């Protein structure tokens, strides 16, 4: 595993990589470009179509709060190819874009690159909430002793942290 994981209060490492969007386009996008549209929740995961990753992304999809409020952009990062991301988005009906981190350079920059069972390099399942100034405001890291790709993020805790960092959004009922 990488030696130093980016911490809360630190500047998020900048990067640029192919981003596969739910609408169908794939473009080279930098983190700074996403931050221009507001805070980002970067969600690192191992690869598309593994059972644990399907469960994680279906949780994001089904926990409608992430998609409906629009206060934070949920963006995935994995080693999967762009074409695989496209199939993954389509098959699961995801409304979130996914970065293709083929060489694990993004994972390395955030300190979450590791070798599963000391064999296959991949991203450690982790989340980084980055405010619109580019500062990490929350971090969650999988801590499973054998394989940190096996845990899934605690979405209630994530929402509480987003409310704390960005301010709780109150329902106005149209008023």
C-alpha atoms as a PDB file:
ATOM      1  CA  UNK A   1       0.000   0.000   0.000  1.00  0.00           C
ATOM      2  CA  UNK A   2       1.132   3.554  -0.561  1.00  0.00           C
ATOM      3  CA  UNK A   3       2.909   5.024   2.414  1.00  0.00           C
ATOM      4  CA  UNK A   4       0.972   8.272   2.905  1.00  0.00           C
ATOM      5  CA  UNK A   5      -2.766   8.638   2.457  1.00  0.00           C
ATOM      6  CA  UNK A   6      -3.979  12.180   1.814  1.00  0.00           C
ATOM      7  CA  UNK A   7      -5.391  13.539   5.064  1.00  0.00           C
ATOM      8  CA  UNK A   8      -8.238  15.775   6.115  1.00  0.00           C
ATOM      9  CA  UNK A   9      -7.231  19.421   5.797  1.00  0.00           C
ATOM     10  CA  UNK A  10      -4.675  18.720   3.054  1.00  0.00           C
ATOM     11  CA  UNK A  11      -4.930  19.944  -0.525  1.00  0.00           C
ATOM     12  CA  UNK A  12      -6.303  17.264  -2.811  1.00  0.00           C
ATOM     13  CA  UNK A  13      -3.777  16.117  -5.422  1.00  0.00           C
ATOM     14  CA  UNK A  14      -4.664  17.453  -8.861  1.00  0.00           C
ATOM     15  CA  UNK A  15      -4.940  15.024 -11.767  1.00  0.00           C
ATOM     16  CA  UNK A  16      -6.425  14.606 -15.199  1.00  0.00           C
ATOM     17  CA  UNK A  17      -7.815  11.350 -16.598  1.00  0.00           C
ATOM     18  CA  UNK A  18     -10.515   9.972 -18.905  1.00  0.00           C
ATOM     19  CA  UNK A  19     -13.930  10.484 -17.329  1.00  0.00           C
ATOM     20  CA  UNK A  20     -16.844   8.359 -18.535  1.00  0.00           C
ATOM     21  CA  UNK A  21     -20.112  10.220 -18.020  1.00  0.00           C
ATOM     22  CA  UNK A  22     -23.551   8.599 -17.681  1.00  0.00           C
ATOM     23  CA  UNK A  23     -24.784  10.584 -20.694  1.00  0.00           C
ATOM     24  CA  UNK A  24     -22.341   8.669 -22.902  1.00  0.00           C
ATOM     25  CA  UNK A  25     -19.371  10.968 -23.472  1.00  0.00           C
ATOM     26  CA  UNK A  26     -15.812  10.261 -22.404  1.00  0.00           C
ATOM     27  CA  UNK A  27     -13.435  13.200 -22.053  1.00  0.00           C
ATOM     28  CA  UNK A  28     -10.141  13.992 -20.367  1.00  0.00           C
ATOM     29  CA  UNK A  29     -11.111  15.918 -17.227  1.00  0.00           C
ATOM     30  CA  UNK A  30      -9.083  17.376 -14.408  1.00  0.00           C
ATOM     31  CA  UNK A  31     -10.136  17.512 -10.778  1.00  0.00           C
ATOM     32  CA  UNK A  32     -10.010  21.310 -10.970  1.00  0.00           C
ATOM     33  CA  UNK A  33     -12.608  21.190 -13.757  1.00  0.00           C
ATOM     34  CA  UNK A  34     -14.978  19.180 -11.567  1.00  0.00           C
ATOM     35  CA  UNK A  35     -14.394  21.436  -8.561  1.00  0.00           C
ATOM     36  CA  UNK A  36     -15.469  24.435 -10.657  1.00  0.00           C
ATOM     37  CA  UNK A  37     -18.972  22.884 -10.455  1.00  0.00           C
ATOM     38  CA  UNK A  38     -18.838  22.314  -6.688  1.00  0.00           C
ATOM     39  CA  UNK A  39     -17.556  19.851  -4.079  1.00  0.00           C
ATOM     40  CA  UNK A  40     -16.586  16.321  -5.145  1.00  0.00           C
ATOM     41  CA  UNK A  41     -16.820  12.993  -3.345  1.00  0.00           C
ATOM     42  CA  UNK A  42     -14.109  10.838  -4.954  1.00  0.00           C
ATOM     43  CA  UNK A  43     -14.963   7.168  -4.476  1.00  0.00           C
ATOM     44  CA  UNK A  44     -12.034   4.801  -5.138  1.00  0.00           C
ATOM     45  CA  UNK A  45     -12.919   1.167  -5.808  1.00  0.00           C
ATOM     46  CA  UNK A  46     -11.165  -1.888  -7.245  1.00  0.00           C
ATOM     47  CA  UNK A  47     -12.858  -2.513 -10.586  1.00  0.00           C
ATOM     48  CA  UNK A  48     -16.185  -2.698 -12.349  1.00  0.00           C
ATOM     49  CA  UNK A  49     -18.406  -5.775 -12.068  1.00  0.00           C
ATOM     50  CA  UNK A  50     -16.768  -7.287  -8.979  1.00  0.00           C
ATOM     51  CA  UNK A  51     -19.544  -8.225  -6.500  1.00  0.00           C
ATOM     52  CA  UNK A  52     -18.359  -5.781  -3.831  1.00  0.00           C
ATOM     53  CA  UNK A  53     -18.148  -2.925  -6.324  1.00  0.00           C
ATOM     54  CA  UNK A  54     -21.591  -3.664  -7.714  1.00  0.00           C
ATOM     55  CA  UNK A  55     -22.954  -3.560  -4.160  1.00  0.00           C
ATOM     56  CA  UNK A  56     -21.162  -0.253  -3.437  1.00  0.00           C
ATOM     57  CA  UNK A  57     -22.331   1.512  -6.602  1.00  0.00           C
ATOM     58  CA  UNK A  58     -25.881   0.202  -6.290  1.00  0.00           C
ATOM     59  CA  UNK A  59     -25.855   1.648  -2.753  1.00  0.00           C
ATOM     60  CA  UNK A  60     -24.828   5.052  -4.101  1.00  0.00           C
ATOM     61  CA  UNK A  61     -27.500   4.784  -6.787  1.00  0.00           C
ATOM     62  CA  UNK A  62     -30.223   3.582  -4.416  1.00  0.00           C
ATOM     63  CA  UNK A  63     -29.342   6.074  -1.684  1.00  0.00           C
ATOM     64  CA  UNK A  64     -31.113   8.664  -3.818  1.00  0.00           C
ATOM     65  CA  UNK A  65     -29.921  11.552  -1.652  1.00  0.00           C
ATOM     66  CA  UNK A  66     -26.581  11.647  -3.505  1.00  0.00           C
ATOM     67  CA  UNK A  67     -28.228  12.133  -6.884  1.00  0.00           C
ATOM     68  CA  UNK A  68     -31.217  14.263  -5.893  1.00  0.00           C
ATOM     69  CA  UNK A  69     -29.695  17.025  -3.770  1.00  0.00           C
ATOM     70  CA  UNK A  70     -26.876  18.011  -6.095  1.00  0.00           C
ATOM     71  CA  UNK A  71     -24.708  19.461  -3.296  1.00  0.00           C
ATOM     72  CA  UNK A  72     -21.828  17.114  -4.018  1.00  0.00           C
ATOM     73  CA  UNK A  73     -20.673  15.340  -7.174  1.00  0.00           C
ATOM     74  CA  UNK A  74     -20.089  11.632  -6.598  1.00  0.00           C
ATOM     75  CA  UNK A  75     -17.298  10.495  -8.933  1.00  0.00           C
ATOM     76  CA  UNK A  76     -15.803   6.996  -9.074  1.00  0.00           C
ATOM     77  CA  UNK A  77     -12.150   6.110  -9.640  1.00  0.00           C
ATOM     78  CA  UNK A  78     -10.980   2.634 -10.601  1.00  0.00           C
ATOM     79  CA  UNK A  79      -8.516   0.818 -12.780  1.00  0.00           C
ATOM     80  CA  UNK A  80     -11.221  -0.357 -15.196  1.00  0.00           C
ATOM     81  CA  UNK A  81     -11.086   0.602 -18.870  1.00  0.00           C
ATOM     82  CA  UNK A  82     -13.302   3.303 -20.323  1.00  0.00           C
ATOM     83  CA  UNK A  83     -15.324   0.744 -22.303  1.00  0.00           C
ATOM     84  CA  UNK A  84     -15.874  -1.311 -19.145  1.00  0.00           C
ATOM     85  CA  UNK A  85     -16.978   1.810 -17.255  1.00  0.00           C
ATOM     86  CA  UNK A  86     -19.514   2.485 -20.025  1.00  0.00           C
ATOM     87  CA  UNK A  87     -20.984  -1.025 -19.689  1.00  0.00           C
ATOM     88  CA  UNK A  88     -20.938  -0.763 -15.867  1.00  0.00           C
ATOM     89  CA  UNK A  89     -22.813   2.569 -15.910  1.00  0.00           C
ATOM     90  CA  UNK A  90     -25.347   1.234 -18.415  1.00  0.00           C
ATOM     91  CA  UNK A  91     -25.872  -2.152 -16.750  1.00  0.00           C
ATOM     92  CA  UNK A  92     -26.404  -0.677 -13.263  1.00  0.00           C
ATOM     93  CA  UNK A  93     -28.229   2.468 -14.396  1.00  0.00           C
ATOM     94  CA  UNK A  94     -25.734   4.724 -12.628  1.00  0.00           C
ATOM     95  CA  UNK A  95     -26.014   8.494 -12.708  1.00  0.00           C
ATOM     96  CA  UNK A  96     -22.394   9.025 -11.657  1.00  0.00           C
ATOM     97  CA  UNK A  97     -19.276   9.563 -13.796  1.00  0.00           C
ATOM     98  CA  UNK A  98     -16.277   7.237 -13.450  1.00  0.00           C
ATOM     99  CA  UNK A  99     -12.569   8.008 -13.928  1.00  0.00           C
ATOM    100  CA  UNK A 100     -10.411   5.404 -15.685  1.00  0.00           C
ATOM    101  CA  UNK A 101      -7.230   5.191 -13.559  1.00  0.00           C
ATOM    102  CA  UNK A 102      -5.511   2.589 -15.769  1.00  0.00           C
ATOM    103  CA  UNK A 103      -1.999   3.104 -14.376  1.00  0.00           C
ATOM    104  CA  UNK A 104      -3.241   3.767 -10.813  1.00  0.00           C
ATOM    105  CA  UNK A 105      -1.552   7.186 -10.841  1.00  0.00           C
ATOM    106  CA  UNK A 106      -4.585   8.828  -9.197  1.00  0.00           C
ATOM    107  CA  UNK A 107      -4.721   6.089  -6.562  1.00  0.00           C
ATOM    108  CA  UNK A 108      -0.995   6.542  -5.946  1.00  0.00           C
ATOM    109  CA  UNK A 109      -1.372  10.327  -5.591  1.00  0.00           C
ATOM    110  CA  UNK A 110      -4.076   9.835  -2.929  1.00  0.00           C
ATOM    111  CA  UNK A 111      -2.116   7.090  -1.164  1.00  0.00           C
ATOM    112  CA  UNK A 112      -4.681   4.332  -1.774  1.00  0.00           C
ATOM    113  CA  UNK A 113      -2.837   2.085  -4.245  1.00  0.00           C
ATOM    114  CA  UNK A 114      -2.142  -1.359  -2.827  1.00  0.00           C
ATOM    115  CA  UNK A 115      -1.559  -4.952  -3.868  1.00  0.00           C
ATOM    116  CA  UNK A 116      -4.347  -7.405  -3.084  1.00  0.00           C
ATOM    117  CA  UNK A 117      -2.829 -10.446  -1.427  1.00  0.00           C
ATOM    118  CA  UNK A 118       0.532  -8.955  -2.537  1.00  0.00           C
ATOM    119  CA  UNK A 119      -0.283  -9.850  -6.155  1.00  0.00           C
ATOM    120  CA  UNK A 120      -2.637  -7.556  -8.082  1.00  0.00           C
ATOM    121  CA  UNK A 121      -2.287  -3.770  -7.837  1.00  0.00           C
ATOM    122  CA  UNK A 122      -5.570  -1.945  -7.302  1.00  0.00           C
ATOM    123  CA  UNK A 123      -7.256   0.935  -5.477  1.00  0.00           C
ATOM    124  CA  UNK A 124      -8.107   0.590  -1.822  1.00  0.00           C
ATOM    125  CA  UNK A 125     -11.798   1.285  -1.324  1.00  0.00           C
ATOM    126  CA  UNK A 126     -11.894   4.837   0.014  1.00  0.00           C
ATOM    127  CA  UNK A 127     -13.742   8.153  -0.122  1.00  0.00           C
ATOM    128  CA  UNK A 128     -12.435  11.715  -0.161  1.00  0.00           C
ATOM    129  CA  UNK A 129     -14.785  14.687   0.174  1.00  0.00           C
ATOM    130  CA  UNK A 130     -13.088  17.630  -1.515  1.00  0.00           C
ATOM    131  CA  UNK A 131     -14.518  21.120  -1.092  1.00  0.00           C
ATOM    132  CA  UNK A 132     -14.679  23.606  -3.946  1.00  0.00           C
ATOM    133  CA  UNK A 133     -11.346  25.096  -2.785  1.00  0.00           C
ATOM    134  CA  UNK A 134      -9.624  21.742  -3.335  1.00  0.00           C
ATOM    135  CA  UNK A 135      -9.196  20.799   0.335  1.00  0.00           C
ATOM    136  CA  UNK A 136      -9.990  17.307   1.655  1.00  0.00           C
ATOM    137  CA  UNK A 137     -12.708  17.767   4.278  1.00  0.00           C
ATOM    138  CA  UNK A 138     -13.560  14.102   4.999  1.00  0.00           C
ATOM    139  CA  UNK A 139     -11.879  10.775   4.362  1.00  0.00           C
ATOM    140  CA  UNK A 140     -13.005   7.181   4.793  1.00  0.00           C
ATOM    141  CA  UNK A 141     -10.664   4.219   4.252  1.00  0.00           C
ATOM    142  CA  UNK A 142     -11.545   0.536   4.161  1.00  0.00           C
ATOM    143  CA  UNK A 143      -9.673  -1.241   6.946  1.00  0.00           C
ATOM    144  CA  UNK A 144     -10.427  -4.925   6.278  1.00  0.00           C
ATOM    145  CA  UNK A 145      -7.366  -6.836   7.559  1.00  0.00           C
ATOM    146  CA  UNK A 146      -7.097  -9.191   4.560  1.00  0.00           C
ATOM    147  CA  UNK A 147      -8.477  -7.190   1.669  1.00  0.00           C
ATOM    148  CA  UNK A 148      -9.513  -3.523   2.037  1.00  0.00           C
ATOM    149  CA  UNK A 149     -11.581  -3.766  -1.112  1.00  0.00           C
ATOM    150  CA  UNK A 150     -14.155  -5.881   0.772  1.00  0.00           C
ATOM    151  CA  UNK A 151     -15.689  -3.127   2.917  1.00  0.00           C
ATOM    152  CA  UNK A 152     -18.304  -0.705   1.680  1.00  0.00           C
ATOM    153  CA  UNK A 153     -18.590   2.925   2.809  1.00  0.00           C
ATOM    154  CA  UNK A 154     -21.036   3.787   5.610  1.00  0.00           C
ATOM    155  CA  UNK A 155     -23.367   6.035   3.609  1.00  0.00           C
ATOM    156  CA  UNK A 156     -25.199   7.451   6.646  1.00  0.00           C
ATOM    157  CA  UNK A 157     -21.851   8.571   8.087  1.00  0.00           C
ATOM    158  CA  UNK A 158     -20.862  10.029   4.716  1.00  0.00           C
ATOM    159  CA  UNK A 159     -24.088  12.033   4.569  1.00  0.00           C
ATOM    160  CA  UNK A 160     -23.554  13.327   8.114  1.00  0.00           C
ATOM    161  CA  UNK A 161     -20.058  14.471   7.160  1.00  0.00           C
ATOM    162  CA  UNK A 162     -21.308  16.170   3.996  1.00  0.00           C
ATOM    163  CA  UNK A 163     -24.003  17.956   6.036  1.00  0.00           C
ATOM    164  CA  UNK A 164     -21.378  19.026   8.573  1.00  0.00           C
ATOM    165  CA  UNK A 165     -18.904  20.254   5.959  1.00  0.00           C
ATOM    166  CA  UNK A 166     -21.322  21.828   3.473  1.00  0.00           C
ATOM    167  CA  UNK A 167     -24.085  22.776   5.889  1.00  0.00           C
ATOM    168  CA  UNK A 168     -27.241  20.783   6.355  1.00  0.00           C
ATOM    169  CA  UNK A 169     -29.752  21.314   3.587  1.00  0.00           C
ATOM    170  CA  UNK A 170     -33.213  21.754   4.988  1.00  0.00           C
ATOM    171  CA  UNK A 171     -36.321  20.664   3.102  1.00  0.00           C
ATOM    172  CA  UNK A 172     -38.319  23.744   2.137  1.00  0.00           C
ATOM    173  CA  UNK A 173     -41.334  21.936   0.673  1.00  0.00           C
ATOM    174  CA  UNK A 174     -41.331  24.366  -2.238  1.00  0.00           C
ATOM    175  CA  UNK A 175     -41.456  27.546  -0.105  1.00  0.00           C
END
